[in-house]
Amino acid sequence: MKGFIDLRSDTVTQPTPAMRKAMAEAEVGDDVFGEDPTVNTLQEKVANLLGKEKAIFVPRGRWPINFPSNLIPSLAMRGLLKPRPMLSI
């Protein structure tokens, strides 16, 4: 299929020269400390889009072994999420 982009993983999809240039020239910062302008902009846009005061970017993927295995309860315990009705599937 011509023009198909396989986004299964970062090891399958290789960046184009334009993508590499954009990455090299991007303003960066530590998102954990609120210093990454791209993440900050994304969170602000999503919060505005959803009519919320704040949004948090939580990428999904494989995490280091010391990262909490279940991120949502960890965020909830830190008071970052309001309790919601539980849904069991």
PDB file of N, CA and C in Angstrom:
ATOM      1  N   MET A   1       0.854  -1.176   0.000  1.00  0.00           N
ATOM      2  CA  MET A   1       0.000   0.000   0.000  1.00  0.00           C
ATOM      3  C   MET A   1       0.899   1.238   0.000  1.00  0.00           C
ATOM      4  N   LYS A   2       0.823   2.026  -1.013  1.00  0.00           N
ATOM      5  CA  LYS A   2       1.674   3.202  -1.134  1.00  0.00           C
ATOM      6  C   LYS A   2       1.186   4.313  -0.201  1.00  0.00           C
ATOM      7  N   GLY A   3       2.122   4.982   0.461  1.00  0.00           N
ATOM      8  CA  GLY A   3       1.764   6.076   1.355  1.00  0.00           C
ATOM      9  C   GLY A   3       1.334   5.638   2.742  1.00  0.00           C
ATOM     10  N   PHE A   4       1.403   4.343   3.016  1.00  0.00           N
ATOM     11  CA  PHE A   4       1.013   3.812   4.322  1.00  0.00           C
ATOM     12  C   PHE A   4       2.096   4.103   5.355  1.00  0.00           C
ATOM     13  N   ILE A   5       1.709   4.573   6.518  1.00  0.00           N
ATOM     14  CA  ILE A   5       2.642   4.829   7.613  1.00  0.00           C
ATOM     15  C   ILE A   5       2.308   3.867   8.746  1.00  0.00           C
ATOM     16  N   ASP A   6       3.251   3.050   9.105  1.00  0.00           N
ATOM     17  CA  ASP A   6       3.064   2.065  10.167  1.00  0.00           C
ATOM     18  C   ASP A   6       3.471   2.696  11.494  1.00  0.00           C
ATOM     19  N   LEU A   7       2.498   2.954  12.368  1.00  0.00           N
ATOM     20  CA  LEU A   7       2.760   3.621  13.640  1.00  0.00           C
ATOM     21  C   LEU A   7       2.732   2.660  14.827  1.00  0.00           C
ATOM     22  N   ARG A   8       3.010   1.382  14.572  1.00  0.00           N
ATOM     23  CA  ARG A   8       2.986   0.417  15.679  1.00  0.00           C
ATOM     24  C   ARG A   8       4.007   0.725  16.757  1.00  0.00           C
ATOM     25  N   SER A   9       5.175   1.179  16.365  1.00  0.00           N
ATOM     26  CA  SER A   9       6.182   1.494  17.372  1.00  0.00           C
ATOM     27  C   SER A   9       7.237   2.412  16.770  1.00  0.00           C
ATOM     28  N   ASP A  10       8.047   2.986  17.642  1.00  0.00           N
ATOM     29  CA  ASP A  10       9.100   3.889  17.167  1.00  0.00           C
ATOM     30  C   ASP A  10      10.249   3.138  16.503  1.00  0.00           C
ATOM     31  N   THR A  11      10.257   1.817  16.604  1.00  0.00           N
ATOM     32  CA  THR A  11      11.294   1.052  15.926  1.00  0.00           C
ATOM     33  C   THR A  11      10.867   0.647  14.526  1.00  0.00           C
ATOM     34  N   VAL A  12       9.572   0.713  14.231  1.00  0.00           N
ATOM     35  CA  VAL A  12       9.059   0.382  12.905  1.00  0.00           C
ATOM     36  C   VAL A  12       9.014   1.626  12.029  1.00  0.00           C
ATOM     37  N   THR A  13       8.522   2.715  12.563  1.00  0.00           N
ATOM     38  CA  THR A  13       8.396   3.957  11.811  1.00  0.00           C
ATOM     39  C   THR A  13       9.659   4.784  11.990  1.00  0.00           C
ATOM     40  N   GLN A  14      10.322   5.079  10.908  1.00  0.00           N
ATOM     41  CA  GLN A  14      11.552   5.860  10.958  1.00  0.00           C
ATOM     42  C   GLN A  14      11.252   7.315  10.606  1.00  0.00           C
ATOM     43  N   PRO A  15      11.815   8.276  11.341  1.00  0.00           N
ATOM     44  CA  PRO A  15      11.550   9.688  11.053  1.00  0.00           C
ATOM     45  C   PRO A  15      12.157  10.125   9.720  1.00  0.00           C
ATOM     46  N   THR A  16      11.458  11.026   9.066  1.00  0.00           N
ATOM     47  CA  THR A  16      11.952  11.599   7.820  1.00  0.00           C
ATOM     48  C   THR A  16      12.995  12.661   8.157  1.00  0.00           C
ATOM     49  N   PRO A  17      13.759  13.128   7.186  1.00  0.00           N
ATOM     50  CA  PRO A  17      14.709  14.213   7.446  1.00  0.00           C
ATOM     51  C   PRO A  17      14.021  15.461   8.032  1.00  0.00           C
ATOM     52  N   ALA A  18      12.825  15.771   7.553  1.00  0.00           N
ATOM     53  CA  ALA A  18      12.097  16.931   8.098  1.00  0.00           C
ATOM     54  C   ALA A  18      11.720  16.712   9.564  1.00  0.00           C
ATOM     55  N   MET A  19      11.342  15.488   9.913  1.00  0.00           N
ATOM     56  CA  MET A  19      11.016  15.170  11.310  1.00  0.00           C
ATOM     57  C   MET A  19      12.257  15.299  12.192  1.00  0.00           C
ATOM     58  N   ARG A  20      13.375  14.778  11.720  1.00  0.00           N
ATOM     59  CA  ARG A  20      14.628  14.870  12.476  1.00  0.00           C
ATOM     60  C   ARG A  20      15.027  16.335  12.692  1.00  0.00           C
ATOM     61  N   LYS A  21      14.850  17.149  11.661  1.00  0.00           N
ATOM     62  CA  LYS A  21      15.169  18.576  11.759  1.00  0.00           C
ATOM     63  C   LYS A  21      14.269  19.243  12.802  1.00  0.00           C
ATOM     64  N   ALA A  22      12.973  18.936  12.764  1.00  0.00           N
ATOM     65  CA  ALA A  22      12.028  19.515  13.728  1.00  0.00           C
ATOM     66  C   ALA A  22      12.392  19.105  15.153  1.00  0.00           C
ATOM     67  N   MET A  23      12.770  17.844  15.338  1.00  0.00           N
ATOM     68  CA  MET A  23      13.165  17.374  16.670  1.00  0.00           C
ATOM     69  C   MET A  23      14.430  18.067  17.151  1.00  0.00           C
ATOM     70  N   ALA A  24      15.397  18.216  16.249  1.00  0.00           N
ATOM     71  CA  ALA A  24      16.671  18.837  16.616  1.00  0.00           C
ATOM     72  C   ALA A  24      16.506  20.309  16.976  1.00  0.00           C
ATOM     73  N   GLU A  25      15.542  20.971  16.340  1.00  0.00           N
ATOM     74  CA  GLU A  25      15.359  22.405  16.560  1.00  0.00           C
ATOM     75  C   GLU A  25      14.280  22.733  17.591  1.00  0.00           C
ATOM     76  N   ALA A  26      13.606  21.718  18.117  1.00  0.00           N
ATOM     77  CA  ALA A  26      12.512  21.939  19.056  1.00  0.00           C
ATOM     78  C   ALA A  26      13.016  22.492  20.383  1.00  0.00           C
ATOM     79  N   GLU A  27      12.256  23.409  20.949  1.00  0.00           N
ATOM     80  CA  GLU A  27      12.533  23.900  22.294  1.00  0.00           C
ATOM     81  C   GLU A  27      12.098  22.796  23.256  1.00  0.00           C
ATOM     82  N   VAL A  28      12.975  22.412  24.159  1.00  0.00           N
ATOM     83  CA  VAL A  28      12.669  21.305  25.062  1.00  0.00           C
ATOM     84  C   VAL A  28      12.835  21.724  26.511  1.00  0.00           C
ATOM     85  N   GLY A  29      12.284  20.919  27.380  1.00  0.00           N
ATOM     86  CA  GLY A  29      12.389  21.129  28.818  1.00  0.00           C
ATOM     87  C   GLY A  29      11.929  19.867  29.514  1.00  0.00           C
ATOM     88  N   ASP A  30      12.024  19.836  30.817  1.00  0.00           N
ATOM     89  CA  ASP A  30      11.627  18.671  31.606  1.00  0.00           C
ATOM     90  C   ASP A  30      10.137  18.753  31.903  1.00  0.00           C
ATOM     91  N   ASP A  31       9.366  17.836  31.302  1.00  0.00           N
ATOM     92  CA  ASP A  31       7.918  17.880  31.500  1.00  0.00           C
ATOM     93  C   ASP A  31       7.518  17.548  32.930  1.00  0.00           C
ATOM     94  N   VAL A  32       8.335  16.791  33.648  1.00  0.00           N
ATOM     95  CA  VAL A  32       8.022  16.459  35.044  1.00  0.00           C
ATOM     96  C   VAL A  32       7.971  17.729  35.901  1.00  0.00           C
ATOM     97  N   PHE A  33       8.814  18.699  35.561  1.00  0.00           N
ATOM     98  CA  PHE A  33       8.850  19.954  36.309  1.00  0.00           C
ATOM     99  C   PHE A  33       8.067  21.066  35.619  1.00  0.00           C
ATOM    100  N   GLY A  34       7.265  20.711  34.611  1.00  0.00           N
ATOM    101  CA  GLY A  34       6.445  21.695  33.915  1.00  0.00           C
ATOM    102  C   GLY A  34       7.235  22.631  33.026  1.00  0.00           C
ATOM    103  N   GLU A  35       8.405  22.185  32.558  1.00  0.00           N
ATOM    104  CA  GLU A  35       9.295  23.048  31.784  1.00  0.00           C
ATOM    105  C   GLU A  35       9.331  22.712  30.297  1.00  0.00           C
ATOM    106  N   ASP A  36       8.510  21.760  29.836  1.00  0.00           N
ATOM    107  CA  ASP A  36       8.504  21.401  28.413  1.00  0.00           C
ATOM    108  C   ASP A  36       7.398  22.182  27.714  1.00  0.00           C
ATOM    109  N   PRO A  37       7.743  23.153  26.863  1.00  0.00           N
ATOM    110  CA  PRO A  37       6.730  23.999  26.243  1.00  0.00           C
ATOM    111  C   PRO A  37       5.754  23.231  25.351  1.00  0.00           C
ATOM    112  N   THR A  38       6.207  22.156  24.714  1.00  0.00           N
ATOM    113  CA  THR A  38       5.310  21.380  23.860  1.00  0.00           C
ATOM    114  C   THR A  38       4.265  20.652  24.693  1.00  0.00           C
ATOM    115  N   VAL A  39       4.689  20.015  25.775  1.00  0.00           N
ATOM    116  CA  VAL A  39       3.763  19.310  26.656  1.00  0.00           C
ATOM    117  C   VAL A  39       2.820  20.316  27.316  1.00  0.00           C
ATOM    118  N   ASN A  40       3.351  21.445  27.748  1.00  0.00           N
ATOM    119  CA  ASN A  40       2.508  22.469  28.372  1.00  0.00           C
ATOM    120  C   ASN A  40       1.429  22.954  27.411  1.00  0.00           C
ATOM    121  N   THR A  41       1.808  23.196  26.159  1.00  0.00           N
ATOM    122  CA  THR A  41       0.848  23.649  25.154  1.00  0.00           C
ATOM    123  C   THR A  41      -0.208  22.585  24.900  1.00  0.00           C
ATOM    124  N   LEU A  42       0.214  21.325  24.777  1.00  0.00           N
ATOM    125  CA  LEU A  42      -0.728  20.230  24.575  1.00  0.00           C
ATOM    126  C   LEU A  42      -1.725  20.145  25.725  1.00  0.00           C
ATOM    127  N   GLN A  43      -1.232  20.207  26.957  1.00  0.00           N
ATOM    128  CA  GLN A  43      -2.112  20.118  28.126  1.00  0.00           C
ATOM    129  C   GLN A  43      -3.084  21.286  28.177  1.00  0.00           C
ATOM    130  N   GLU A  44      -2.620  22.482  27.864  1.00  0.00           N
ATOM    131  CA  GLU A  44      -3.501  23.653  27.862  1.00  0.00           C
ATOM    132  C   GLU A  44      -4.583  23.524  26.799  1.00  0.00           C
ATOM    133  N   LYS A  45      -4.193  23.081  25.599  1.00  0.00           N
ATOM    134  CA  LYS A  45      -5.171  22.924  24.512  1.00  0.00           C
ATOM    135  C   LYS A  45      -6.226  21.889  24.856  1.00  0.00           C
ATOM    136  N   VAL A  46      -5.808  20.758  25.431  1.00  0.00           N
ATOM    137  CA  VAL A  46      -6.759  19.710  25.790  1.00  0.00           C
ATOM    138  C   VAL A  46      -7.679  20.187  26.916  1.00  0.00           C
ATOM    139  N   ALA A  47      -7.132  20.862  27.908  1.00  0.00           N
ATOM    140  CA  ALA A  47      -7.969  21.393  28.995  1.00  0.00           C
ATOM    141  C   ALA A  47      -9.011  22.355  28.438  1.00  0.00           C
ATOM    142  N   ASN A  48      -8.606  23.259  27.560  1.00  0.00           N
ATOM    143  CA  ASN A  48      -9.546  24.203  26.949  1.00  0.00           C
ATOM    144  C   ASN A  48     -10.582  23.481  26.100  1.00  0.00           C
ATOM    145  N   LEU A  49     -10.140  22.510  25.318  1.00  0.00           N
ATOM    146  CA  LEU A  49     -11.035  21.750  24.461  1.00  0.00           C
ATOM    147  C   LEU A  49     -12.122  21.049  25.275  1.00  0.00           C
ATOM    148  N   LEU A  50     -11.737  20.518  26.439  1.00  0.00           N
ATOM    149  CA  LEU A  50     -12.680  19.781  27.286  1.00  0.00           C
ATOM    150  C   LEU A  50     -13.365  20.646  28.331  1.00  0.00           C
ATOM    151  N   GLY A  51     -13.030  21.935  28.344  1.00  0.00           N
ATOM    152  CA  GLY A  51     -13.641  22.832  29.321  1.00  0.00           C
ATOM    153  C   GLY A  51     -13.199  22.555  30.745  1.00  0.00           C
ATOM    154  N   LYS A  52     -11.962  22.119  30.902  1.00  0.00           N
ATOM    155  CA  LYS A  52     -11.430  21.795  32.227  1.00  0.00           C
ATOM    156  C   LYS A  52     -10.365  22.807  32.617  1.00  0.00           C
ATOM    157  N   GLU A  53     -10.109  22.882  33.920  1.00  0.00           N
ATOM    158  CA  GLU A  53      -9.083  23.793  34.420  1.00  0.00           C
ATOM    159  C   GLU A  53      -7.681  23.342  34.010  1.00  0.00           C
ATOM    160  N   LYS A  54      -7.438  22.054  34.069  1.00  0.00           N
ATOM    161  CA  LYS A  54      -6.112  21.490  33.770  1.00  0.00           C
ATOM    162  C   LYS A  54      -6.266  20.168  33.031  1.00  0.00           C
ATOM    163  N   ALA A  55      -5.193  19.752  32.381  1.00  0.00           N
ATOM    164  CA  ALA A  55      -5.103  18.432  31.753  1.00  0.00           C
ATOM    165  C   ALA A  55      -3.707  17.907  32.033  1.00  0.00           C
ATOM    166  N   ILE A  56      -3.552  16.605  32.025  1.00  0.00           N
ATOM    167  CA  ILE A  56      -2.243  16.016  32.230  1.00  0.00           C
ATOM    168  C   ILE A  56      -1.963  15.030  31.103  1.00  0.00           C
ATOM    169  N   PHE A  57      -0.783  15.140  30.507  1.00  0.00           N
ATOM    170  CA  PHE A  57      -0.357  14.243  29.437  1.00  0.00           C
ATOM    171  C   PHE A  57       0.270  13.023  30.079  1.00  0.00           C
ATOM    172  N   VAL A  58      -0.325  11.868  29.817  1.00  0.00           N
ATOM    173  CA  VAL A  58       0.194  10.608  30.345  1.00  0.00           C
ATOM    174  C   VAL A  58       0.408   9.676  29.155  1.00  0.00           C
ATOM    175  N   PRO A  59       1.634   9.629  28.631  1.00  0.00           N
ATOM    176  CA  PRO A  59       1.868   8.758  27.482  1.00  0.00           C
ATOM    177  C   PRO A  59       1.711   7.295  27.868  1.00  0.00           C
ATOM    178  N   ARG A  60       1.188   6.521  26.941  1.00  0.00           N
ATOM    179  CA  ARG A  60       1.026   5.095  27.181  1.00  0.00           C
ATOM    180  C   ARG A  60       2.166   4.380  26.470  1.00  0.00           C
ATOM    181  N   GLY A  61       2.687   3.397  27.093  1.00  0.00           N
ATOM    182  CA  GLY A  61       3.780   2.643  26.487  1.00  0.00           C
ATOM    183  C   GLY A  61       4.454   1.797  27.538  1.00  0.00           C
ATOM    184  N   ARG A  62       5.623   1.362  27.216  1.00  0.00           N
ATOM    185  CA  ARG A  62       6.381   0.554  28.178  1.00  0.00           C
ATOM    186  C   ARG A  62       7.170   1.489  29.068  1.00  0.00           C
ATOM    187  N   TRP A  63       7.084   1.248  30.346  1.00  0.00           N
ATOM    188  CA  TRP A  63       7.723   2.107  31.332  1.00  0.00           C
ATOM    189  C   TRP A  63       8.904   1.390  31.954  1.00  0.00           C
ATOM    190  N   PRO A  64       9.835   2.153  32.513  1.00  0.00           N
ATOM    191  CA  PRO A  64      10.935   1.515  33.247  1.00  0.00           C
ATOM    192  C   PRO A  64      10.388   0.667  34.387  1.00  0.00           C
ATOM    193  N   ILE A  65      11.175  -0.288  34.819  1.00  0.00           N
ATOM    194  CA  ILE A  65      10.708  -1.231  35.840  1.00  0.00           C
ATOM    195  C   ILE A  65      10.337  -0.538  37.154  1.00  0.00           C
ATOM    196  N   ASN A  66      10.946   0.601  37.459  1.00  0.00           N
ATOM    197  CA  ASN A  66      10.640   1.277  38.727  1.00  0.00           C
ATOM    198  C   ASN A  66       9.445   2.215  38.608  1.00  0.00           C
ATOM    199  N   PHE A  67       8.852   2.334  37.420  1.00  0.00           N
ATOM    200  CA  PHE A  67       7.683   3.193  37.244  1.00  0.00           C
ATOM    201  C   PHE A  67       6.462   2.465  37.779  1.00  0.00           C
ATOM    202  N   PRO A  68       5.518   3.189  38.416  1.00  0.00           N
ATOM    203  CA  PRO A  68       4.325   2.513  38.949  1.00  0.00           C
ATOM    204  C   PRO A  68       3.619   1.701  37.865  1.00  0.00           C
ATOM    205  N   SER A  69       3.289   0.460  38.181  1.00  0.00           N
ATOM    206  CA  SER A  69       2.670  -0.406  37.182  1.00  0.00           C
ATOM    207  C   SER A  69       1.265   0.051  36.833  1.00  0.00           C
ATOM    208  N   ASN A  70       0.604   0.720  37.732  1.00  0.00           N
ATOM    209  CA  ASN A  70      -0.730   1.219  37.443  1.00  0.00           C
ATOM    210  C   ASN A  70      -0.756   2.710  37.732  1.00  0.00           C
ATOM    211  N   LEU A  71      -0.607   3.512  36.700  1.00  0.00           N
ATOM    212  CA  LEU A  71      -0.436   4.952  36.847  1.00  0.00           C
ATOM    213  C   LEU A  71      -1.671   5.664  37.393  1.00  0.00           C
ATOM    214  N   ILE A  72      -2.861   5.256  36.978  1.00  0.00           N
ATOM    215  CA  ILE A  72      -4.078   5.965  37.381  1.00  0.00           C
ATOM    216  C   ILE A  72      -4.256   5.953  38.900  1.00  0.00           C
ATOM    217  N   PRO A  73      -4.141   4.793  39.587  1.00  0.00           N
ATOM    218  CA  PRO A  73      -4.239   4.834  41.053  1.00  0.00           C
ATOM    219  C   PRO A  73      -3.155   5.705  41.687  1.00  0.00           C
ATOM    220  N   SER A  74      -1.966   5.714  41.098  1.00  0.00           N
ATOM    221  CA  SER A  74      -0.887   6.546  41.635  1.00  0.00           C
ATOM    222  C   SER A  74      -1.249   8.028  41.546  1.00  0.00           C
ATOM    223  N   LEU A  75      -1.805   8.442  40.410  1.00  0.00           N
ATOM    224  CA  LEU A  75      -2.237   9.835  40.260  1.00  0.00           C
ATOM    225  C   LEU A  75      -3.377  10.158  41.211  1.00  0.00           C
ATOM    226  N   ALA A  76      -4.303   9.226  41.352  1.00  0.00           N
ATOM    227  CA  ALA A  76      -5.449   9.442  42.237  1.00  0.00           C
ATOM    228  C   ALA A  76      -4.985   9.612  43.686  1.00  0.00           C
ATOM    229  N   MET A  77      -4.018   8.781  44.102  1.00  0.00           N
ATOM    230  CA  MET A  77      -3.532   8.874  45.479  1.00  0.00           C
ATOM    231  C   MET A  77      -2.844  10.208  45.740  1.00  0.00           C
ATOM    232  N   ARG A  78      -2.279  10.796  44.705  1.00  0.00           N
ATOM    233  CA  ARG A  78      -1.623  12.092  44.855  1.00  0.00           C
ATOM    234  C   ARG A  78      -2.622  13.242  44.763  1.00  0.00           C
ATOM    235  N   GLY A  79      -3.898  12.915  44.625  1.00  0.00           N
ATOM    236  CA  GLY A  79      -4.928  13.942  44.576  1.00  0.00           C
ATOM    237  C   GLY A  79      -5.053  14.633  43.232  1.00  0.00           C
ATOM    238  N   LEU A  80      -4.484  14.033  42.189  1.00  0.00           N
ATOM    239  CA  LEU A  80      -4.553  14.654  40.870  1.00  0.00           C
ATOM    240  C   LEU A  80      -5.814  14.284  40.115  1.00  0.00           C
ATOM    241  N   LEU A  81      -6.512  13.252  40.561  1.00  0.00           N
ATOM    242  CA  LEU A  81      -7.748  12.833  39.910  1.00  0.00           C
ATOM    243  C   LEU A  81      -8.873  12.830  40.926  1.00  0.00           C
ATOM    244  N   LYS A  82     -10.047  13.239  40.495  1.00  0.00           N
ATOM    245  CA  LYS A  82     -11.215  13.180  41.370  1.00  0.00           C
ATOM    246  C   LYS A  82     -11.806  11.780  41.291  1.00  0.00           C
ATOM    247  N   PRO A  83     -12.369  11.295  42.399  1.00  0.00           N
ATOM    248  CA  PRO A  83     -12.972   9.961  42.368  1.00  0.00           C
ATOM    249  C   PRO A  83     -14.093   9.898  41.337  1.00  0.00           C
ATOM    250  N   ARG A  84     -14.174   8.801  40.632  1.00  0.00           N
ATOM    251  CA  ARG A  84     -15.218   8.556  39.648  1.00  0.00           C
ATOM    252  C   ARG A  84     -15.835   7.199  39.949  1.00  0.00           C
ATOM    253  N   PRO A  85     -17.059   6.980  39.475  1.00  0.00           N
ATOM    254  CA  PRO A  85     -17.649   5.639  39.667  1.00  0.00           C
ATOM    255  C   PRO A  85     -16.764   4.592  39.020  1.00  0.00           C
ATOM    256  N   MET A  86     -16.662   3.435  39.659  1.00  0.00           N
ATOM    257  CA  MET A  86     -15.799   2.383  39.150  1.00  0.00           C
ATOM    258  C   MET A  86     -16.534   1.596  38.070  1.00  0.00           C
ATOM    259  N   LEU A  87     -15.810   1.243  37.046  1.00  0.00           N
ATOM    260  CA  LEU A  87     -16.334   0.438  35.956  1.00  0.00           C
ATOM    261  C   LEU A  87     -15.496  -0.813  35.856  1.00  0.00           C
ATOM    262  N   SER A  88     -16.132  -1.952  35.984  1.00  0.00           N
ATOM    263  CA  SER A  88     -15.440  -3.234  35.863  1.00  0.00           C
ATOM    264  C   SER A  88     -15.844  -3.889  34.563  1.00  0.00           C
ATOM    265  N   ILE A  89     -14.854  -4.345  33.832  1.00  0.00           N
ATOM    266  CA  ILE A  89     -15.137  -5.022  32.566  1.00  0.00           C
ATOM    267  C   ILE A  89     -14.621  -6.432  32.657  1.00  0.00           C
TER     268      ILE A  89
END
